PDB file of N, CA and C in Angstrom:
ATOM      1  N   UNK A   1      98.607 -23.697   3.814  1.00  0.00           N
ATOM      2  CA  UNK A   1      97.387 -24.000   3.467  1.00  0.00           C
ATOM      3  C   UNK A   1      96.160 -22.880   4.270  1.00  0.00           C
ATOM      4  N   UNK A   2      95.380 -22.264   3.464  1.00  0.00           N
ATOM      5  CA  UNK A   2      94.744 -21.410   3.713  1.00  0.00           C
ATOM      6  C   UNK A   2      93.144 -21.789   4.258  1.00  0.00           C
ATOM      7  N   UNK A   3      92.886 -21.229   5.471  1.00  0.00           N
ATOM      8  CA  UNK A   3      91.722 -21.396   6.089  1.00  0.00           C
ATOM      9  C   UNK A   3      90.663 -20.968   5.301  1.00  0.00           C
ATOM     10  N   UNK A   4      89.378 -21.987   5.766  1.00  0.00           N
ATOM     11  CA  UNK A   4      88.003 -21.477   4.786  1.00  0.00           C
ATOM     12  C   UNK A   4      87.228 -21.256   5.987  1.00  0.00           C
ATOM     13  N   UNK A   5      86.202 -20.300   5.382  1.00  0.00           N
ATOM     14  CA  UNK A   5      85.232 -19.787   6.248  1.00  0.00           C
ATOM     15  C   UNK A   5      84.393 -21.126   6.371  1.00  0.00           C
ATOM     16  N   UNK A   6      83.728 -20.830   7.645  1.00  0.00           N
ATOM     17  CA  UNK A   6      83.117 -21.948   8.127  1.00  0.00           C
ATOM     18  C   UNK A   6      81.744 -21.268   8.994  1.00  0.00           C
ATOM     19  N   UNK A   7      80.660 -22.032   9.327  1.00  0.00           N
ATOM     20  CA  UNK A   7      79.503 -21.991  10.273  1.00  0.00           C
ATOM     21  C   UNK A   7      78.761 -22.939  10.515  1.00  0.00           C
ATOM     22  N   UNK A   8      78.154 -22.935  11.811  1.00  0.00           N
ATOM     23  CA  UNK A   8      77.516 -23.969  12.028  1.00  0.00           C
ATOM     24  C   UNK A   8      76.040 -23.264  12.693  1.00  0.00           C
ATOM     25  N   UNK A   9      75.210 -24.233  12.763  1.00  0.00           N
ATOM     26  CA  UNK A   9      73.523 -24.014  13.410  1.00  0.00           C
ATOM     27  C   UNK A   9      73.014 -23.250  12.557  1.00  0.00           C
ATOM     28  N   UNK A  10      71.627 -22.813  12.856  1.00  0.00           N
ATOM     29  CA  UNK A  10      71.521 -22.659  14.230  1.00  0.00           C
ATOM     30  C   UNK A  10      70.958 -24.223  14.742  1.00  0.00           C
ATOM     31  N   UNK A  11      71.242 -24.392  15.680  1.00  0.00           N
ATOM     32  CA  UNK A  11      70.951 -25.637  16.615  1.00  0.00           C
ATOM     33  C   UNK A  11      70.040 -25.204  17.732  1.00  0.00           C
ATOM     34  N   UNK A  12      68.944 -25.838  18.242  1.00  0.00           N
ATOM     35  CA  UNK A  12      68.590 -25.673  19.435  1.00  0.00           C
ATOM     36  C   UNK A  12      69.245 -26.219  20.623  1.00  0.00           C
ATOM     37  N   UNK A  13      69.552 -25.553  21.624  1.00  0.00           N
ATOM     38  CA  UNK A  13      70.212 -26.179  23.012  1.00  0.00           C
ATOM     39  C   UNK A  13      69.474 -26.756  23.828  1.00  0.00           C
ATOM     40  N   UNK A  14      69.657 -27.844  24.256  1.00  0.00           N
ATOM     41  CA  UNK A  14      69.008 -28.561  25.097  1.00  0.00           C
ATOM     42  C   UNK A  14      69.122 -28.334  26.614  1.00  0.00           C
ATOM     43  N   UNK A  15      68.399 -28.843  27.519  1.00  0.00           N
ATOM     44  CA  UNK A  15      68.480 -28.731  29.057  1.00  0.00           C
ATOM     45  C   UNK A  15      69.574 -29.459  29.665  1.00  0.00           C
ATOM     46  N   UNK A  16      70.586 -30.128  28.723  1.00  0.00           N
ATOM     47  CA  UNK A  16      71.267 -31.324  29.395  1.00  0.00           C
ATOM     48  C   UNK A  16      72.792 -30.496  29.081  1.00  0.00           C
ATOM     49  N   UNK A  17      73.190 -29.718  30.209  1.00  0.00           N
ATOM     50  CA  UNK A  17      74.802 -29.090  30.132  1.00  0.00           C
ATOM     51  C   UNK A  17      75.755 -29.797  29.373  1.00  0.00           C
ATOM     52  N   UNK A  18      75.478 -31.365  29.127  1.00  0.00           N
ATOM     53  CA  UNK A  18      76.861 -31.815  28.844  1.00  0.00           C
ATOM     54  C   UNK A  18      76.488 -32.389  27.207  1.00  0.00           C
ATOM     55  N   UNK A  19      75.911 -31.404  26.461  1.00  0.00           N
ATOM     56  CA  UNK A  19      75.762 -32.015  25.314  1.00  0.00           C
ATOM     57  C   UNK A  19      76.761 -30.999  24.127  1.00  0.00           C
ATOM     58  N   UNK A  20      77.344 -32.507  23.658  1.00  0.00           N
ATOM     59  CA  UNK A  20      78.465 -31.627  22.467  1.00  0.00           C
ATOM     60  C   UNK A  20      77.902 -31.208  21.249  1.00  0.00           C
ATOM     61  N   UNK A  21      78.288 -29.905  21.288  1.00  0.00           N
ATOM     62  CA  UNK A  21      77.485 -28.989  20.367  1.00  0.00           C
ATOM     63  C   UNK A  21      78.285 -28.846  19.009  1.00  0.00           C
ATOM     64  N   UNK A  22      79.906 -29.217  19.213  1.00  0.00           N
ATOM     65  CA  UNK A  22      80.884 -28.520  18.077  1.00  0.00           C
ATOM     66  C   UNK A  22      82.205 -29.302  18.172  1.00  0.00           C
ATOM     67  N   UNK A  23      82.545 -29.921  17.123  1.00  0.00           N
ATOM     68  CA  UNK A  23      83.851 -30.693  17.329  1.00  0.00           C
ATOM     69  C   UNK A  23      84.467 -30.726  16.170  1.00  0.00           C
ATOM     70  N   UNK A  24      85.724 -30.603  15.400  1.00  0.00           N
ATOM     71  CA  UNK A  24      86.260 -30.662  14.094  1.00  0.00           C
ATOM     72  C   UNK A  24      86.665 -32.006  13.892  1.00  0.00           C
ATOM     73  N   UNK A  25      86.643 -32.756  14.479  1.00  0.00           N
ATOM     74  CA  UNK A  25      87.418 -34.206  14.223  1.00  0.00           C
ATOM     75  C   UNK A  25      86.886 -34.612  13.088  1.00  0.00           C
ATOM     76  N   UNK A  26      87.614 -35.407  12.271  1.00  0.00           N
ATOM     77  CA  UNK A  26      86.943 -36.429  11.003  1.00  0.00           C
ATOM     78  C   UNK A  26      87.354 -37.876  11.619  1.00  0.00           C
ATOM     79  N   UNK A  27      86.397 -38.611  11.728  1.00  0.00           N
ATOM     80  CA  UNK A  27      86.548 -39.950  11.699  1.00  0.00           C
ATOM     81  C   UNK A  27      87.482 -40.982  11.247  1.00  0.00           C
ATOM     82  N   UNK A  28      87.517 -40.850   9.884  1.00  0.00           N
ATOM     83  CA  UNK A  28      88.310 -41.398   9.071  1.00  0.00           C
ATOM     84  C   UNK A  28      89.410 -40.687   8.376  1.00  0.00           C
ATOM     85  N   UNK A  29      90.646 -40.798   8.978  1.00  0.00           N
ATOM     86  CA  UNK A  29      91.874 -40.027   7.858  1.00  0.00           C
ATOM     87  C   UNK A  29      92.054 -40.667   6.516  1.00  0.00           C
ATOM     88  N   UNK A  30      91.651 -41.739   6.272  1.00  0.00           N
ATOM     89  CA  UNK A  30      92.060 -42.726   5.304  1.00  0.00           C
ATOM     90  C   UNK A  30      92.092 -41.773   4.076  1.00  0.00           C
ATOM     91  N   UNK A  31      92.914 -41.793   3.179  1.00  0.00           N
ATOM     92  CA  UNK A  31      92.796 -40.974   1.926  1.00  0.00           C
ATOM     93  C   UNK A  31      93.724 -41.574   1.058  1.00  0.00           C
ATOM     94  N   UNK A  32      94.281 -40.767   0.045  1.00  0.00           N
ATOM     95  CA  UNK A  32      95.167 -41.681  -1.317  1.00  0.00           C
ATOM     96  C   UNK A  32      96.477 -42.136  -0.974  1.00  0.00           C
ATOM     97  N   UNK A  33      97.089 -43.054  -1.897  1.00  0.00           N
ATOM     98  CA  UNK A  33      98.070 -43.323  -1.142  1.00  0.00           C
ATOM     99  C   UNK A  33      99.464 -42.463  -1.309  1.00  0.00           C
ATOM    100  N   UNK A  34     100.058 -42.153  -0.395  1.00  0.00           N
ATOM    101  CA  UNK A  34     101.091 -41.453  -0.733  1.00  0.00           C
ATOM    102  C   UNK A  34     100.308 -39.972   0.042  1.00  0.00           C
ATOM    103  N   UNK A  35      99.709 -40.062   0.678  1.00  0.00           N
ATOM    104  CA  UNK A  35      99.234 -38.474   1.280  1.00  0.00           C
ATOM    105  C   UNK A  35      98.644 -38.584   2.614  1.00  0.00           C
ATOM    106  N   UNK A  36      98.999 -38.094   3.714  1.00  0.00           N
ATOM    107  CA  UNK A  36      98.642 -38.322   5.160  1.00  0.00           C
ATOM    108  C   UNK A  36      97.738 -37.172   5.621  1.00  0.00           C
ATOM    109  N   UNK A  37      96.609 -37.521   5.682  1.00  0.00           N
ATOM    110  CA  UNK A  37      95.374 -36.701   6.034  1.00  0.00           C
ATOM    111  C   UNK A  37      95.658 -36.119   7.744  1.00  0.00           C
ATOM    112  N   UNK A  38      95.508 -34.987   8.025  1.00  0.00           N
ATOM    113  CA  UNK A  38      95.438 -34.451   9.053  1.00  0.00           C
ATOM    114  C   UNK A  38      94.230 -34.257   9.595  1.00  0.00           C
ATOM    115  N   UNK A  39      94.040 -33.920  10.730  1.00  0.00           N
ATOM    116  CA  UNK A  39      92.810 -33.348  11.705  1.00  0.00           C
ATOM    117  C   UNK A  39      92.569 -31.917  11.418  1.00  0.00           C
ATOM    118  N   UNK A  40      91.754 -31.537  11.018  1.00  0.00           N
ATOM    119  CA  UNK A  40      91.219 -29.827  11.248  1.00  0.00           C
ATOM    120  C   UNK A  40      91.065 -29.227  12.555  1.00  0.00           C
ATOM    121  N   UNK A  41      91.232 -28.285  12.192  1.00  0.00           N
ATOM    122  CA  UNK A  41      90.780 -27.233  13.562  1.00  0.00           C
ATOM    123  C   UNK A  41      90.136 -26.231  13.321  1.00  0.00           C
ATOM    124  N   UNK A  42      89.360 -25.306  14.122  1.00  0.00           N
ATOM    125  CA  UNK A  42      88.317 -24.886  14.128  1.00  0.00           C
ATOM    126  C   UNK A  42      88.588 -23.543  14.934  1.00  0.00           C
ATOM    127  N   UNK A  43      88.381 -22.044  14.333  1.00  0.00           N
ATOM    128  CA  UNK A  43      89.031 -20.911  15.157  1.00  0.00           C
ATOM    129  C   UNK A  43      87.309 -20.300  14.815  1.00  0.00           C
ATOM    130  N   UNK A  44      86.445 -20.175  16.217  1.00  0.00           N
ATOM    131  CA  UNK A  44      85.544 -19.688  16.334  1.00  0.00           C
ATOM    132  C   UNK A  44      85.728 -18.168  16.672  1.00  0.00           C
ATOM    133  N   UNK A  45      85.018 -17.130  15.774  1.00  0.00           N
ATOM    134  CA  UNK A  45      85.328 -15.846  15.952  1.00  0.00           C
ATOM    135  C   UNK A  45      83.890 -15.326  16.328  1.00  0.00           C
ATOM    136  N   UNK A  46      82.631 -15.907  16.269  1.00  0.00           N
ATOM    137  CA  UNK A  46      81.597 -15.489  16.720  1.00  0.00           C
ATOM    138  C   UNK A  46      80.702 -16.511  16.793  1.00  0.00           C
ATOM    139  N   UNK A  47      80.081 -16.357  18.009  1.00  0.00           N
ATOM    140  CA  UNK A  47      78.694 -17.062  18.568  1.00  0.00           C
ATOM    141  C   UNK A  47      77.226 -16.577  18.760  1.00  0.00           C
ATOM    142  N   UNK A  48      76.419 -16.765  18.195  1.00  0.00           N
ATOM    143  CA  UNK A  48      75.144 -16.024  18.432  1.00  0.00           C
ATOM    144  C   UNK A  48      74.175 -16.742  18.958  1.00  0.00           C
ATOM    145  N   UNK A  49      73.532 -16.450  20.317  1.00  0.00           N
ATOM    146  CA  UNK A  49      72.605 -17.446  21.119  1.00  0.00           C
ATOM    147  C   UNK A  49      71.012 -16.515  21.219  1.00  0.00           C
ATOM    148  N   UNK A  50      70.146 -17.252  20.668  1.00  0.00           N
ATOM    149  CA  UNK A  50      69.102 -16.155  20.588  1.00  0.00           C
ATOM    150  C   UNK A  50      67.808 -17.137  21.263  1.00  0.00           C
ATOM    151  N   UNK A  51      67.327 -16.387  22.260  1.00  0.00           N
ATOM    152  CA  UNK A  51      66.201 -16.666  22.975  1.00  0.00           C
ATOM    153  C   UNK A  51      64.663 -16.554  22.332  1.00  0.00           C
ATOM    154  N   UNK A  52      64.041 -17.610  22.040  1.00  0.00           N
ATOM    155  CA  UNK A  52      62.795 -17.254  21.364  1.00  0.00           C
ATOM    156  C   UNK A  52      61.541 -17.478  22.285  1.00  0.00           C
ATOM    157  N   UNK A  53      61.952 -17.227  23.571  1.00  0.00           N
ATOM    158  CA  UNK A  53      60.665 -17.238  24.240  1.00  0.00           C
ATOM    159  C   UNK A  53      60.272 -16.145  25.109  1.00  0.00           C
ATOM    160  N   UNK A  54      59.387 -16.136  26.029  1.00  0.00           N
ATOM    161  CA  UNK A  54      58.903 -14.864  26.490  1.00  0.00           C
ATOM    162  C   UNK A  54      59.538 -14.540  28.198  1.00  0.00           C
ATOM    163  N   UNK A  55      60.569 -15.527  28.095  1.00  0.00           N
ATOM    164  CA  UNK A  55      61.463 -15.396  29.781  1.00  0.00           C
ATOM    165  C   UNK A  55      62.383 -15.701  29.491  1.00  0.00           C
ATOM    166  N   UNK A  56      63.309 -14.990  30.355  1.00  0.00           N
ATOM    167  CA  UNK A  56      64.993 -15.092  30.482  1.00  0.00           C
ATOM    168  C   UNK A  56      65.346 -16.852  30.678  1.00  0.00           C
ATOM    169  N   UNK A  57      66.202 -17.063  29.714  1.00  0.00           N
ATOM    170  CA  UNK A  57      66.838 -18.341  29.923  1.00  0.00           C
ATOM    171  C   UNK A  57      68.126 -18.490  30.285  1.00  0.00           C
ATOM    172  N   UNK A  58      68.879 -19.337  30.564  1.00  0.00           N
ATOM    173  CA  UNK A  58      70.284 -19.169  31.080  1.00  0.00           C
ATOM    174  C   UNK A  58      71.199 -20.196  29.823  1.00  0.00           C
ATOM    175  N   UNK A  59      72.296 -19.814  29.562  1.00  0.00           N
ATOM    176  CA  UNK A  59      73.266 -20.996  28.840  1.00  0.00           C
ATOM    177  C   UNK A  59      74.394 -21.171  29.506  1.00  0.00           C
ATOM    178  N   UNK A  60      75.045 -22.337  29.351  1.00  0.00           N
ATOM    179  CA  UNK A  60      76.581 -22.374  30.056  1.00  0.00           C
ATOM    180  C   UNK A  60      77.419 -23.177  28.800  1.00  0.00           C
ATOM    181  N   UNK A  61      78.697 -22.445  28.206  1.00  0.00           N
ATOM    182  CA  UNK A  61      79.636 -23.551  27.320  1.00  0.00           C
ATOM    183  C   UNK A  61      80.758 -23.767  28.066  1.00  0.00           C
ATOM    184  N   UNK A  62      81.068 -25.050  27.693  1.00  0.00           N
ATOM    185  CA  UNK A  62      82.564 -25.340  28.173  1.00  0.00           C
ATOM    186  C   UNK A  62      83.572 -25.724  27.160  1.00  0.00           C
ATOM    187  N   UNK A  63      84.749 -25.886  27.159  1.00  0.00           N
ATOM    188  CA  UNK A  63      85.712 -26.559  26.066  1.00  0.00           C
ATOM    189  C   UNK A  63      86.606 -27.710  26.967  1.00  0.00           C
ATOM    190  N   UNK A  64      86.221 -28.717  26.222  1.00  0.00           N
ATOM    191  CA  UNK A  64      86.849 -29.854  26.836  1.00  0.00           C
ATOM    192  C   UNK A  64      86.605 -31.193  26.170  1.00  0.00           C
ATOM    193  N   UNK A  65      86.523 -31.999  26.570  1.00  0.00           N
ATOM    194  CA  UNK A  65      86.209 -33.630  26.438  1.00  0.00           C
ATOM    195  C   UNK A  65      84.754 -33.844  26.023  1.00  0.00           C
ATOM    196  N   UNK A  66      84.673 -35.007  24.990  1.00  0.00           N
ATOM    197  CA  UNK A  66      83.191 -35.405  24.709  1.00  0.00           C
ATOM    198  C   UNK A  66      82.270 -35.166  25.785  1.00  0.00           C
ATOM    199  N   UNK A  67      81.369 -34.676  25.885  1.00  0.00           N
ATOM    200  CA  UNK A  67      80.129 -34.663  27.179  1.00  0.00           C
ATOM    201  C   UNK A  67      80.625 -34.224  28.320  1.00  0.00           C
ATOM    202  N   UNK A  68      81.529 -33.558  28.254  1.00  0.00           N
ATOM    203  CA  UNK A  68      82.123 -33.214  29.972  1.00  0.00           C
ATOM    204  C   UNK A  68      81.928 -31.582  30.092  1.00  0.00           C
ATOM    205  N   UNK A  69      81.793 -31.385  31.464  1.00  0.00           N
ATOM    206  CA  UNK A  69      81.635 -29.827  31.732  1.00  0.00           C
ATOM    207  C   UNK A  69      82.621 -29.704  32.808  1.00  0.00           C
ATOM    208  N   UNK A  70      83.867 -29.977  32.662  1.00  0.00           N
ATOM    209  CA  UNK A  70      84.220 -30.185  34.159  1.00  0.00           C
ATOM    210  C   UNK A  70      85.232 -28.813  34.612  1.00  0.00           C
ATOM    211  N   UNK A  71      84.986 -28.511  36.141  1.00  0.00           N
ATOM    212  CA  UNK A  71      85.610 -27.459  36.278  1.00  0.00           C
ATOM    213  C   UNK A  71      86.855 -26.897  36.042  1.00  0.00           C
ATOM    214  N   UNK A  72      86.973 -25.615  35.576  1.00  0.00           N
ATOM    215  CA  UNK A  72      88.258 -25.023  35.047  1.00  0.00           C
ATOM    216  C   UNK A  72      88.189 -25.025  33.498  1.00  0.00           C
ATOM    217  N   UNK A  73      87.072 -25.736  32.679  1.00  0.00           N
ATOM    218  CA  UNK A  73      86.964 -25.999  31.273  1.00  0.00           C
ATOM    219  C   UNK A  73      85.701 -24.611  30.903  1.00  0.00           C
ATOM    220  N   UNK A  74      85.557 -23.936  31.674  1.00  0.00           N
ATOM    221  CA  UNK A  74      84.391 -23.114  31.394  1.00  0.00           C
ATOM    222  C   UNK A  74      84.923 -22.085  30.055  1.00  0.00           C
ATOM    223  N   UNK A  75      84.068 -21.800  29.193  1.00  0.00           N
ATOM    224  CA  UNK A  75      84.684 -20.856  28.108  1.00  0.00           C
ATOM    225  C   UNK A  75      83.683 -19.545  28.033  1.00  0.00           C
ATOM    226  N   UNK A  76      82.498 -19.778  27.993  1.00  0.00           N
ATOM    227  CA  UNK A  76      81.599 -18.571  27.646  1.00  0.00           C
ATOM    228  C   UNK A  76      80.053 -18.962  28.458  1.00  0.00           C
ATOM    229  N   UNK A  77      79.816 -17.815  29.278  1.00  0.00           N
ATOM    230  CA  UNK A  77      78.610 -17.535  29.512  1.00  0.00           C
ATOM    231  C   UNK A  77      78.411 -18.644  30.805  1.00  0.00           C
ATOM    232  N   UNK A  78      78.472 -18.816  31.519  1.00  0.00           N
ATOM    233  CA  UNK A  78      78.165 -19.798  32.716  1.00  0.00           C
ATOM    234  C   UNK A  78      76.795 -19.255  33.232  1.00  0.00           C
ATOM    235  N   UNK A  79      76.124 -19.983  33.108  1.00  0.00           N
ATOM    236  CA  UNK A  79      74.801 -19.524  33.447  1.00  0.00           C
ATOM    237  C   UNK A  79      74.402 -18.056  33.437  1.00  0.00           C
ATOM    238  N   UNK A  80      74.842 -17.791  32.201  1.00  0.00           N
ATOM    239  CA  UNK A  80      74.536 -16.236  31.614  1.00  0.00           C
ATOM    240  C   UNK A  80      73.246 -16.301  30.978  1.00  0.00           C
ATOM    241  N   UNK A  81      72.574 -15.101  31.492  1.00  0.00           N
ATOM    242  CA  UNK A  81      70.726 -15.118  31.483  1.00  0.00           C
ATOM    243  C   UNK A  81      71.011 -14.450  30.004  1.00  0.00           C
ATOM    244  N   UNK A  82      70.120 -14.909  29.251  1.00  0.00           N
ATOM    245  CA  UNK A  82      69.445 -14.064  28.021  1.00  0.00           C
ATOM    246  C   UNK A  82      68.231 -13.404  28.384  1.00  0.00           C
ATOM    247  N   UNK A  83      67.881 -12.373  28.239  1.00  0.00           N
ATOM    248  CA  UNK A  83      66.240 -11.875  28.328  1.00  0.00           C
ATOM    249  C   UNK A  83      65.131 -12.426  27.492  1.00  0.00           C
ATOM    250  N   UNK A  84      64.085 -12.451  27.676  1.00  0.00           N
ATOM    251  CA  UNK A  84      62.960 -12.707  26.619  1.00  0.00           C
ATOM    252  C   UNK A  84      63.427 -12.169  25.195  1.00  0.00           C
ATOM    253  N   UNK A  85      63.312 -13.063  24.179  1.00  0.00           N
ATOM    254  CA  UNK A  85      63.120 -12.671  22.903  1.00  0.00           C
ATOM    255  C   UNK A  85      64.331 -11.806  22.846  1.00  0.00           C
ATOM    256  N   UNK A  86      65.340 -11.933  23.021  1.00  0.00           N
ATOM    257  CA  UNK A  86      66.995 -11.078  22.886  1.00  0.00           C
ATOM    258  C   UNK A  86      67.911 -12.181  22.479  1.00  0.00           C
ATOM    259  N   UNK A  87      68.984 -11.940  22.098  1.00  0.00           N
ATOM    260  CA  UNK A  87      70.349 -12.503  21.441  1.00  0.00           C
ATOM    261  C   UNK A  87      71.555 -12.101  22.930  1.00  0.00           C
ATOM    262  N   UNK A  88      72.523 -13.189  22.428  1.00  0.00           N
ATOM    263  CA  UNK A  88      73.449 -12.717  23.408  1.00  0.00           C
ATOM    264  C   UNK A  88      74.798 -12.845  22.200  1.00  0.00           C
ATOM    265  N   UNK A  89      75.629 -12.354  21.902  1.00  0.00           N
ATOM    266  CA  UNK A  89      76.796 -12.627  20.750  1.00  0.00           C
ATOM    267  C   UNK A  89      77.937 -12.332  21.541  1.00  0.00           C
ATOM    268  N   UNK A  90      78.905 -13.689  21.068  1.00  0.00           N
ATOM    269  CA  UNK A  90      80.445 -13.277  21.549  1.00  0.00           C
ATOM    270  C   UNK A  90      81.086 -13.465  20.590  1.00  0.00           C
ATOM    271  N   UNK A  91      82.110 -12.524  20.621  1.00  0.00           N
ATOM    272  CA  UNK A  91      83.090 -12.276  19.559  1.00  0.00           C
ATOM    273  C   UNK A  91      84.432 -12.401  20.087  1.00  0.00           C
ATOM    274  N   UNK A  92      85.203 -13.101  19.768  1.00  0.00           N
ATOM    275  CA  UNK A  92      86.530 -13.369  20.288  1.00  0.00           C
ATOM    276  C   UNK A  92      87.444 -14.431  19.010  1.00  0.00           C
ATOM    277  N   UNK A  93      88.006 -15.171  19.775  1.00  0.00           N
ATOM    278  CA  UNK A  93      88.836 -16.093  19.044  1.00  0.00           C
ATOM    279  C   UNK A  93      88.908 -17.414  19.615  1.00  0.00           C
ATOM    280  N   UNK A  94      88.281 -18.433  19.703  1.00  0.00           N
ATOM    281  CA  UNK A  94      88.415 -19.617  20.072  1.00  0.00           C
ATOM    282  C   UNK A  94      88.690 -20.985  19.508  1.00  0.00           C
ATOM    283  N   UNK A  95      90.002 -21.400  19.776  1.00  0.00           N
ATOM    284  CA  UNK A  95      90.308 -22.678  18.682  1.00  0.00           C
ATOM    285  C   UNK A  95      89.814 -23.837  19.273  1.00  0.00           C
ATOM    286  N   UNK A  96      89.322 -24.800  18.403  1.00  0.00           N
ATOM    287  CA  UNK A  96      89.065 -25.791  19.030  1.00  0.00           C
ATOM    288  C   UNK A  96      89.871 -27.155  18.131  1.00  0.00           C
ATOM    289  N   UNK A  97      90.295 -27.675  18.746  1.00  0.00           N
ATOM    290  CA  UNK A  97      91.222 -29.010  17.985  1.00  0.00           C
ATOM    291  C   UNK A  97      90.500 -30.089  18.053  1.00  0.00           C
ATOM    292  N   UNK A  98      90.860 -30.960  17.452  1.00  0.00           N
ATOM    293  CA  UNK A  98      90.265 -32.483  16.978  1.00  0.00           C
ATOM    294  C   UNK A  98      89.826 -33.147  18.563  1.00  0.00           C
ATOM    295  N   UNK A  99      90.598 -32.953  19.463  1.00  0.00           N
ATOM    296  CA  UNK A  99      90.372 -33.604  20.871  1.00  0.00           C
ATOM    297  C   UNK A  99      89.439 -32.259  21.520  1.00  0.00           C
ATOM    298  N   UNK A 100      88.993 -31.166  21.149  1.00  0.00           N
ATOM    299  CA  UNK A 100      88.175 -30.420  21.900  1.00  0.00           C
ATOM    300  C   UNK A 100      86.786 -30.278  21.335  1.00  0.00           C
ATOM    301  N   UNK A 101      85.986 -30.334  22.325  1.00  0.00           N
ATOM    302  CA  UNK A 101      84.301 -30.423  22.226  1.00  0.00           C
ATOM    303  C   UNK A 101      83.885 -29.032  22.596  1.00  0.00           C
ATOM    304  N   UNK A 102      83.096 -28.243  21.919  1.00  0.00           N
ATOM    305  CA  UNK A 102      82.307 -27.338  22.733  1.00  0.00           C
ATOM    306  C   UNK A 102      81.152 -27.988  22.955  1.00  0.00           C
ATOM    307  N   UNK A 103      80.764 -27.985  24.359  1.00  0.00           N
ATOM    308  CA  UNK A 103      79.660 -28.534  24.847  1.00  0.00           C
ATOM    309  C   UNK A 103      78.880 -27.807  26.022  1.00  0.00           C
ATOM    310  N   UNK A 104      77.765 -27.797  26.016  1.00  0.00           N
ATOM    311  CA  UNK A 104      77.026 -26.959  26.746  1.00  0.00           C
ATOM    312  C   UNK A 104      75.253 -27.293  26.612  1.00  0.00           C
ATOM    313  N   UNK A 105      74.746 -25.928  27.232  1.00  0.00           N
ATOM    314  CA  UNK A 105      73.334 -26.506  27.239  1.00  0.00           C
ATOM    315  C   UNK A 105      72.301 -25.140  27.958  1.00  0.00           C
ATOM    316  N   UNK A 106      71.350 -25.231  27.913  1.00  0.00           N
ATOM    317  CA  UNK A 106      70.581 -23.819  28.536  1.00  0.00           C
ATOM    318  C   UNK A 106      69.591 -24.614  29.898  1.00  0.00           C
ATOM    319  N   UNK A 107      68.889 -23.647  30.423  1.00  0.00           N
ATOM    320  CA  UNK A 107      68.305 -24.067  31.740  1.00  0.00           C
ATOM    321  C   UNK A 107      66.732 -24.418  31.189  1.00  0.00           C
ATOM    322  N   UNK A 108      66.599 -24.235  29.875  1.00  0.00           N
ATOM    323  CA  UNK A 108      65.061 -25.088  29.450  1.00  0.00           C
ATOM    324  C   UNK A 108      65.269 -25.312  28.088  1.00  0.00           C
ATOM    325  N   UNK A 109      64.863 -26.714  27.864  1.00  0.00           N
ATOM    326  CA  UNK A 109      65.460 -27.114  26.309  1.00  0.00           C
ATOM    327  C   UNK A 109      64.528 -26.551  25.380  1.00  0.00           C
ATOM    328  N   UNK A 110      65.151 -26.462  24.167  1.00  0.00           N
ATOM    329  CA  UNK A 110      64.903 -26.035  23.320  1.00  0.00           C
ATOM    330  C   UNK A 110      64.406 -24.159  23.293  1.00  0.00           C
ATOM    331  N   UNK A 111      64.850 -23.507  24.134  1.00  0.00           N
ATOM    332  CA  UNK A 111      64.103 -21.911  24.229  1.00  0.00           C
ATOM    333  C   UNK A 111      65.646 -21.238  23.798  1.00  0.00           C
ATOM    334  N   UNK A 112      66.639 -21.796  23.633  1.00  0.00           N
ATOM    335  CA  UNK A 112      67.564 -20.958  22.967  1.00  0.00           C
ATOM    336  C   UNK A 112      68.365 -21.763  21.690  1.00  0.00           C
ATOM    337  N   UNK A 113      68.706 -21.069  20.853  1.00  0.00           N
ATOM    338  CA  UNK A 113      69.391 -21.375  19.466  1.00  0.00           C
ATOM    339  C   UNK A 113      70.793 -21.080  19.396  1.00  0.00           C
ATOM    340  N   UNK A 114      71.618 -21.907  18.830  1.00  0.00           N
ATOM    341  CA  UNK A 114      73.001 -21.353  18.847  1.00  0.00           C
ATOM    342  C   UNK A 114      73.341 -21.091  17.601  1.00  0.00           C
ATOM    343  N   UNK A 115      74.331 -20.508  16.821  1.00  0.00           N
ATOM    344  CA  UNK A 115      74.721 -20.417  15.754  1.00  0.00           C
ATOM    345  C   UNK A 115      76.199 -19.723  15.682  1.00  0.00           C
ATOM    346  N   UNK A 116      77.131 -19.913  14.807  1.00  0.00           N
ATOM    347  CA  UNK A 116      78.578 -19.455  15.082  1.00  0.00           C
ATOM    348  C   UNK A 116      79.244 -19.367  13.522  1.00  0.00           C
ATOM    349  N   UNK A 117      80.245 -18.560  13.546  1.00  0.00           N
ATOM    350  CA  UNK A 117      81.121 -18.502  12.240  1.00  0.00           C
ATOM    351  C   UNK A 117      82.474 -18.171  12.582  1.00  0.00           C
ATOM    352  N   UNK A 118      83.394 -18.943  11.744  1.00  0.00           N
ATOM    353  CA  UNK A 118      84.715 -18.537  11.830  1.00  0.00           C
ATOM    354  C   UNK A 118      85.475 -18.996  10.749  1.00  0.00           C
ATOM    355  N   UNK A 119      86.699 -19.672  11.049  1.00  0.00           N
ATOM    356  CA  UNK A 119      87.630 -20.406   9.828  1.00  0.00           C
ATOM    357  C   UNK A 119      87.496 -22.272  10.308  1.00  0.00           C
ATOM    358  N   UNK A 120      87.732 -22.912   9.235  1.00  0.00           N
ATOM    359  CA  UNK A 120      88.387 -23.769   9.638  1.00  0.00           C
ATOM    360  C   UNK A 120      89.901 -24.217   8.614  1.00  0.00           C
ATOM    361  N   UNK A 121      90.694 -24.919   9.359  1.00  0.00           N
ATOM    362  CA  UNK A 121      92.124 -25.026   8.766  1.00  0.00           C
ATOM    363  C   UNK A 121      92.688 -26.358   9.338  1.00  0.00           C
ATOM    364  N   UNK A 122      93.666 -26.910   8.408  1.00  0.00           N
ATOM    365  CA  UNK A 122      94.162 -28.090   8.813  1.00  0.00           C
ATOM    366  C   UNK A 122      95.785 -27.917   9.286  1.00  0.00           C
ATOM    367  N   UNK A 123      96.017 -28.287  10.263  1.00  0.00           N
ATOM    368  CA  UNK A 123      97.411 -28.315  10.866  1.00  0.00           C
ATOM    369  C   UNK A 123      98.554 -28.630   9.942  1.00  0.00           C
TER     370      UNK A 123
END
């Protein structure tokens, strides 16, 4: 099966660093008779975080369990500062499976917005 283009956001980051931002899981895999549905995965290729304020604001992102930011699961920009009226771009390949959550937040609530794109596929 071929992956499909995918994007999310923009969404304002809160000042709670354990906020779930993105997860590909489907809550119900019930499907037609004779077919077993599988959980999708996301391949994030680009994330942009925009600071709309007149002051520097930091952000942090983790990949892990729901609502968790455990040591060792940091993935992008731990306390990374974005200058006033500027943005940060991440380019890479970050895979999120059904049990993976992109979790994070900012040092000041609703000062930063996050959006991204990549691909969504099925195992």
